[in-house]
C-alpha atoms as a PDB file:
ATOM      1  CA  UNK A   1      -0.579  -0.316  -0.272  1.00  0.00           C
ATOM      2  CA  UNK A   2       3.143   2.367   0.804  1.00  0.00           C
ATOM      3  CA  UNK A   3       4.173   1.301  -2.429  1.00  0.00           C
ATOM      4  CA  UNK A   4       1.321   2.413  -4.108  1.00  0.00           C
ATOM      5  CA  UNK A   5       0.863   5.803  -2.805  1.00  0.00           C
ATOM      6  CA  UNK A   6       4.906   6.551  -3.422  1.00  0.00           C
ATOM      7  CA  UNK A   7       4.078   6.249  -6.933  1.00  0.00           C
ATOM      8  CA  UNK A   8       0.811   8.441  -6.635  1.00  0.00           C
ATOM      9  CA  UNK A   9       2.713  11.215  -4.903  1.00  0.00           C
ATOM     10  CA  UNK A  10       5.363  10.732  -7.538  1.00  0.00           C
ATOM     11  CA  UNK A  11       3.227  10.906 -10.786  1.00  0.00           C
ATOM     12  CA  UNK A  12       1.619  14.014  -9.487  1.00  0.00           C
ATOM     13  CA  UNK A  13       4.234  15.728  -8.910  1.00  0.00           C
ATOM     14  CA  UNK A  14       5.952  14.993 -12.560  1.00  0.00           C
ATOM     15  CA  UNK A  15       2.422  15.931 -13.849  1.00  0.00           C
ATOM     16  CA  UNK A  16       2.821  19.106 -11.577  1.00  0.00           C
ATOM     17  CA  UNK A  17       5.914  20.556 -12.284  1.00  0.00           C
ATOM     18  CA  UNK A  18       5.177  19.124 -16.513  1.00  0.00           C
ATOM     19  CA  UNK A  19       2.182  21.739 -16.548  1.00  0.00           C
ATOM     20  CA  UNK A  20       4.330  24.629 -14.254  1.00  0.00           C
ATOM     21  CA  UNK A  21       6.872  24.046 -17.421  1.00  0.00           C
ATOM     22  CA  UNK A  22       4.207  24.514 -19.835  1.00  0.00           C
ATOM     23  CA  UNK A  23       2.536  27.639 -18.338  1.00  0.00           C
ATOM     24  CA  UNK A  24       6.036  29.217 -18.411  1.00  0.00           C
ATOM     25  CA  UNK A  25       6.802  28.307 -21.892  1.00  0.00           C
ATOM     26  CA  UNK A  26       3.628  29.412 -23.041  1.00  0.00           C
ATOM     27  CA  UNK A  27       4.032  32.493 -21.339  1.00  0.00           C
ATOM     28  CA  UNK A  28       7.068  33.894 -22.956  1.00  0.00           C
ATOM     29  CA  UNK A  29       6.236  36.574 -25.781  1.00  0.00           C
ATOM     30  CA  UNK A  30       7.244  35.757 -29.166  1.00  0.00           C
ATOM     31  CA  UNK A  31      10.208  36.942 -30.104  1.00  0.00           C
ATOM     32  CA  UNK A  32       9.349  38.390 -33.845  1.00  0.00           C
ATOM     33  CA  UNK A  33      10.623  41.195 -35.695  1.00  0.00           C
ATOM     34  CA  UNK A  34       7.549  43.287 -37.318  1.00  0.00           C
ATOM     35  CA  UNK A  35       9.541  44.849 -40.017  1.00  0.00           C
ATOM     36  CA  UNK A  36      12.236  43.300 -41.436  1.00  0.00           C
ATOM     37  CA  UNK A  37      15.151  46.330 -41.776  1.00  0.00           C
ATOM     38  CA  UNK A  38      16.260  46.945 -45.519  1.00  0.00           C
ATOM     39  CA  UNK A  39      19.913  46.613 -45.856  1.00  0.00           C
ATOM     40  CA  UNK A  40      21.490  49.821 -48.024  1.00  0.00           C
ATOM     41  CA  UNK A  41      24.840  51.085 -49.617  1.00  0.00           C
ATOM     42  CA  UNK A  42      26.407  54.296 -48.425  1.00  0.00           C
ATOM     43  CA  UNK A  43      27.268  55.653 -51.797  1.00  0.00           C
ATOM     44  CA  UNK A  44      30.525  56.964 -51.047  1.00  0.00           C
ATOM     45  CA  UNK A  45      32.097  54.341 -49.635  1.00  0.00           C
ATOM     46  CA  UNK A  46      30.222  51.592 -49.810  1.00  0.00           C
ATOM     47  CA  UNK A  47      29.637  49.704 -46.646  1.00  0.00           C
ATOM     48  CA  UNK A  48      26.651  48.393 -45.823  1.00  0.00           C
ATOM     49  CA  UNK A  49      24.302  49.485 -43.025  1.00  0.00           C
ATOM     50  CA  UNK A  50      20.496  49.032 -41.851  1.00  0.00           C
ATOM     51  CA  UNK A  51      18.664  51.745 -43.612  1.00  0.00           C
ATOM     52  CA  UNK A  52      17.154  53.021 -39.656  1.00  0.00           C
ATOM     53  CA  UNK A  53      20.600  53.730 -39.477  1.00  0.00           C
ATOM     54  CA  UNK A  54      21.447  55.776 -42.620  1.00  0.00           C
ATOM     55  CA  UNK A  55      21.248  58.852 -43.897  1.00  0.00           C
ATOM     56  CA  UNK A  56      19.339  59.665 -47.310  1.00  0.00           C
ATOM     57  CA  UNK A  57      19.507  62.242 -49.972  1.00  0.00           C
ATOM     58  CA  UNK A  58      17.751  61.523 -52.873  1.00  0.00           C
ATOM     59  CA  UNK A  59      17.958  58.023 -53.487  1.00  0.00           C
ATOM     60  CA  UNK A  60      21.665  57.920 -52.468  1.00  0.00           C
ATOM     61  CA  UNK A  61      22.318  56.523 -48.979  1.00  0.00           C
ATOM     62  CA  UNK A  62      25.421  57.360 -46.209  1.00  0.00           C
ATOM     63  CA  UNK A  63      26.691  55.483 -43.823  1.00  0.00           C
ATOM     64  CA  UNK A  64      27.769  59.296 -41.673  1.00  0.00           C
ATOM     65  CA  UNK A  65      27.546  63.042 -42.347  1.00  0.00           C
ATOM     66  CA  UNK A  66      30.511  63.187 -43.405  1.00  0.00           C
ATOM     67  CA  UNK A  67      30.102  61.406 -46.217  1.00  0.00           C
ATOM     68  CA  UNK A  68      26.183  62.848 -47.192  1.00  0.00           C
ATOM     69  CA  UNK A  69      28.135  65.856 -47.179  1.00  0.00           C
ATOM     70  CA  UNK A  70      30.564  64.562 -49.623  1.00  0.00           C
ATOM     71  CA  UNK A  71      27.888  63.572 -51.885  1.00  0.00           C
ATOM     72  CA  UNK A  72      28.536  60.208 -54.331  1.00  0.00           C
ATOM     73  CA  UNK A  73      31.768  58.557 -55.525  1.00  0.00           C
ATOM     74  CA  UNK A  74      32.308  58.957 -58.477  1.00  0.00           C
END
């Protein structure tokens, strides 16, 4: 009888731990990007960088204010 109670308690503990683990996994927010960034190329030096960090003048993108002032390399 004592063995039966031991196994019931062990199975109940495993089920309780499993449910707790699953709930903690479901509570985490999904990590996803809403809008992926577009990579652009600096018209002066050619380095690639995300468009949210680049400077734009007309149709050209630049990596820094210095390159923006110097214009496209040509």
